[in-house]
Amino acid sequence: MHPFSTVTLGIFVAGYITARWDLVTRLYELAIFAVEYGVVLRAARGIAALTALFLAIFVPVALLARRETTLGTAEADIPATSTHEILELEYLRESSSSDEARSECWASSCR
């Protein structure tokens, strides 16, 4: 390797190591400062409070949604599974007085 490029590479590596070491020492000093002034404890309390608030809102809503979903399916008086079947049953209810409509529906694809 050419001497100039070896020196250049050495300076670059030394500068890189110095910069990394500076960042590590600053991070260490920041960690000590955070512990001394209770920043870590306050952050942990804040995370715990936000988690409790989230759970206080989310859990009741999830339970309510589950209950409403089961009530909606249990109280349905139409034992249909598809929109097509629901429309067929509504058509039959509207025209239940006339036997023509019922036979007309059953003759088509209302089954």
C-alpha atoms as a PDB file:
ATOM      1  CA  MET A   1       0.000   0.000   0.000  1.00  0.00           C
ATOM      2  CA  HIS A   2       1.231   3.504  -0.679  1.00  0.00           C
ATOM      3  CA  PRO A   3       2.516   5.305   2.491  1.00  0.00           C
ATOM      4  CA  PHE A   4       0.160   8.219   1.996  1.00  0.00           C
ATOM      5  CA  SER A   5      -2.893   5.996   1.877  1.00  0.00           C
ATOM      6  CA  THR A   6      -1.698   4.041   4.962  1.00  0.00           C
ATOM      7  CA  VAL A   7      -1.401   7.266   6.947  1.00  0.00           C
ATOM      8  CA  THR A   8      -4.772   8.444   5.665  1.00  0.00           C
ATOM      9  CA  LEU A   9      -6.399   5.156   6.646  1.00  0.00           C
ATOM     10  CA  GLY A  10      -4.753   5.308  10.099  1.00  0.00           C
ATOM     11  CA  ILE A  11      -6.044   8.836  10.702  1.00  0.00           C
ATOM     12  CA  PHE A  12      -9.510   7.812   9.606  1.00  0.00           C
ATOM     13  CA  VAL A  13      -9.534   4.789  11.945  1.00  0.00           C
ATOM     14  CA  ALA A  14      -8.208   6.861  14.864  1.00  0.00           C
ATOM     15  CA  GLY A  15     -10.869   9.511  14.303  1.00  0.00           C
ATOM     16  CA  TYR A  16     -13.589   6.883  14.054  1.00  0.00           C
ATOM     17  CA  ILE A  17     -12.495   5.234  17.309  1.00  0.00           C
ATOM     18  CA  THR A  18     -12.297   8.608  19.050  1.00  0.00           C
ATOM     19  CA  ALA A  19     -15.792   9.548  17.902  1.00  0.00           C
ATOM     20  CA  ARG A  20     -17.205   6.200  19.042  1.00  0.00           C
ATOM     21  CA  TRP A  21     -15.507   6.523  22.427  1.00  0.00           C
ATOM     22  CA  ASP A  22     -16.888  10.043  22.829  1.00  0.00           C
ATOM     23  CA  LEU A  23     -20.410   8.788  22.126  1.00  0.00           C
ATOM     24  CA  VAL A  24     -20.040   5.935  24.617  1.00  0.00           C
ATOM     25  CA  THR A  25     -18.799   8.241  27.376  1.00  0.00           C
ATOM     26  CA  ARG A  26     -21.602  10.738  26.711  1.00  0.00           C
ATOM     27  CA  LEU A  27     -24.155   7.958  26.824  1.00  0.00           C
ATOM     28  CA  TYR A  28     -22.674   6.763  30.108  1.00  0.00           C
ATOM     29  CA  GLU A  29     -22.836  10.292  31.557  1.00  0.00           C
ATOM     30  CA  LEU A  30     -26.415  10.652  30.360  1.00  0.00           C
ATOM     31  CA  ALA A  31     -27.383   7.363  32.023  1.00  0.00           C
ATOM     32  CA  ILE A  32     -25.829   8.483  35.317  1.00  0.00           C
ATOM     33  CA  PHE A  33     -27.654  11.833  35.083  1.00  0.00           C
ATOM     34  CA  ALA A  34     -30.978  10.083  34.347  1.00  0.00           C
ATOM     35  CA  VAL A  35     -30.622   7.771  37.328  1.00  0.00           C
ATOM     36  CA  GLU A  36     -29.593  10.580  39.697  1.00  0.00           C
ATOM     37  CA  TYR A  37     -32.535  12.795  38.795  1.00  0.00           C
ATOM     38  CA  GLY A  38     -35.137  10.020  38.691  1.00  0.00           C
ATOM     39  CA  VAL A  39     -35.808  10.198  34.976  1.00  0.00           C
ATOM     40  CA  VAL A  40     -35.861   6.414  34.662  1.00  0.00           C
ATOM     41  CA  LEU A  41     -38.345   6.056  37.508  1.00  0.00           C
ATOM     42  CA  ARG A  42     -40.613   8.775  36.114  1.00  0.00           C
ATOM     43  CA  ALA A  43     -40.530   7.204  32.663  1.00  0.00           C
ATOM     44  CA  ALA A  44     -41.440   3.812  34.145  1.00  0.00           C
ATOM     45  CA  ARG A  45     -44.326   5.386  36.083  1.00  0.00           C
ATOM     46  CA  GLY A  46     -45.536   7.136  32.936  1.00  0.00           C
ATOM     47  CA  ILE A  47     -45.468   3.923  30.920  1.00  0.00           C
ATOM     48  CA  ALA A  48     -47.336   2.102  33.704  1.00  0.00           C
ATOM     49  CA  ALA A  49     -49.952   4.869  33.901  1.00  0.00           C
ATOM     50  CA  LEU A  50     -50.511   4.910  30.139  1.00  0.00           C
ATOM     51  CA  THR A  51     -50.781   1.128  30.086  1.00  0.00           C
ATOM     52  CA  ALA A  52     -53.355   1.206  32.897  1.00  0.00           C
ATOM     53  CA  LEU A  53     -55.329   3.910  31.099  1.00  0.00           C
ATOM     54  CA  PHE A  54     -55.259   1.951  27.857  1.00  0.00           C
ATOM     55  CA  LEU A  55     -56.410  -1.226  29.593  1.00  0.00           C
ATOM     56  CA  ALA A  56     -59.121   0.670  31.502  1.00  0.00           C
ATOM     57  CA  ILE A  57     -60.571   1.797  28.181  1.00  0.00           C
ATOM     58  CA  PHE A  58     -59.776  -1.203  25.972  1.00  0.00           C
ATOM     59  CA  VAL A  59     -60.892  -4.086  28.187  1.00  0.00           C
ATOM     60  CA  PRO A  60     -64.442  -2.806  28.860  1.00  0.00           C
ATOM     61  CA  VAL A  61     -64.899  -1.922  25.189  1.00  0.00           C
ATOM     62  CA  ALA A  62     -63.709  -5.373  24.124  1.00  0.00           C
ATOM     63  CA  LEU A  63     -66.025  -7.076  26.621  1.00  0.00           C
ATOM     64  CA  LEU A  64     -68.947  -4.902  25.536  1.00  0.00           C
ATOM     65  CA  ALA A  65     -68.266  -5.658  21.891  1.00  0.00           C
ATOM     66  CA  ARG A  66     -68.130  -9.383  22.603  1.00  0.00           C
ATOM     67  CA  ARG A  67     -71.411  -9.235  24.540  1.00  0.00           C
ATOM     68  CA  GLU A  68     -73.152  -7.178  21.871  1.00  0.00           C
ATOM     69  CA  THR A  69     -71.925  -9.524  19.172  1.00  0.00           C
ATOM     70  CA  THR A  70     -73.305 -12.571  20.953  1.00  0.00           C
ATOM     71  CA  LEU A  71     -76.565 -10.775  21.771  1.00  0.00           C
ATOM     72  CA  GLY A  72     -76.985  -9.731  18.152  1.00  0.00           C
ATOM     73  CA  THR A  73     -76.653 -13.284  16.904  1.00  0.00           C
ATOM     74  CA  ALA A  74     -78.687 -14.870  19.723  1.00  0.00           C
ATOM     75  CA  GLU A  75     -81.624 -12.469  19.493  1.00  0.00           C
ATOM     76  CA  ALA A  76     -81.926 -12.562  15.732  1.00  0.00           C
ATOM     77  CA  ASP A  77     -85.308 -13.942  14.785  1.00  0.00           C
ATOM     78  CA  ILE A  78     -84.168 -14.664  11.251  1.00  0.00           C
ATOM     79  CA  PRO A  79     -82.242 -17.922  11.047  1.00  0.00           C
ATOM     80  CA  ALA A  80     -80.553 -16.866   7.831  1.00  0.00           C
ATOM     81  CA  THR A  81     -76.882 -16.947   7.090  1.00  0.00           C
ATOM     82  CA  SER A  82     -76.629 -14.826   3.990  1.00  0.00           C
ATOM     83  CA  THR A  83     -78.062 -11.589   2.695  1.00  0.00           C
ATOM     84  CA  HIS A  84     -79.857 -13.474  -0.045  1.00  0.00           C
ATOM     85  CA  GLU A  85     -81.665 -15.664   2.492  1.00  0.00           C
ATOM     86  CA  ILE A  86     -82.588 -12.636   4.614  1.00  0.00           C
ATOM     87  CA  LEU A  87     -84.083 -10.883   1.611  1.00  0.00           C
ATOM     88  CA  GLU A  88     -86.022 -14.013   0.708  1.00  0.00           C
ATOM     89  CA  LEU A  89     -87.464 -14.291   4.204  1.00  0.00           C
ATOM     90  CA  GLU A  90     -88.413 -10.594   4.250  1.00  0.00           C
ATOM     91  CA  TYR A  91     -90.147 -11.043   0.910  1.00  0.00           C
ATOM     92  CA  LEU A  92     -92.074 -13.981   2.330  1.00  0.00           C
ATOM     93  CA  ARG A  93     -93.079 -12.009   5.445  1.00  0.00           C
ATOM     94  CA  GLU A  94     -94.344  -9.070   3.386  1.00  0.00           C
ATOM     95  CA  SER A  95     -96.397 -11.287   1.143  1.00  0.00           C
ATOM     96  CA  SER A  96     -97.401 -13.908   3.694  1.00  0.00           C
ATOM     97  CA  SER A  97    -101.094 -13.210   3.144  1.00  0.00           C
ATOM     98  CA  SER A  98    -101.009 -14.305  -0.456  1.00  0.00           C
ATOM     99  CA  ASP A  99    -100.150 -17.872  -1.289  1.00  0.00           C
ATOM    100  CA  GLU A 100     -99.290 -16.813  -4.832  1.00  0.00           C
ATOM    101  CA  ALA A 101     -96.246 -14.879  -3.686  1.00  0.00           C
ATOM    102  CA  ARG A 102     -95.098 -17.774  -1.556  1.00  0.00           C
ATOM    103  CA  SER A 103     -95.400 -20.274  -4.363  1.00  0.00           C
ATOM    104  CA  GLU A 104     -93.818 -17.772  -6.733  1.00  0.00           C
ATOM    105  CA  CYS A 105     -90.827 -17.393  -4.410  1.00  0.00           C
ATOM    106  CA  TRP A 106     -90.398 -21.104  -3.900  1.00  0.00           C
ATOM    107  CA  ALA A 107     -90.693 -21.739  -7.616  1.00  0.00           C
ATOM    108  CA  SER A 108     -87.783 -19.421  -8.258  1.00  0.00           C
ATOM    109  CA  SER A 109     -84.404 -19.591  -6.541  1.00  0.00           C
ATOM    110  CA  CYS A 110     -85.681 -18.730  -3.053  1.00  0.00           C
ATOM    111  CA  ARG A 111     -84.719 -22.076  -1.567  1.00  0.00           C
END
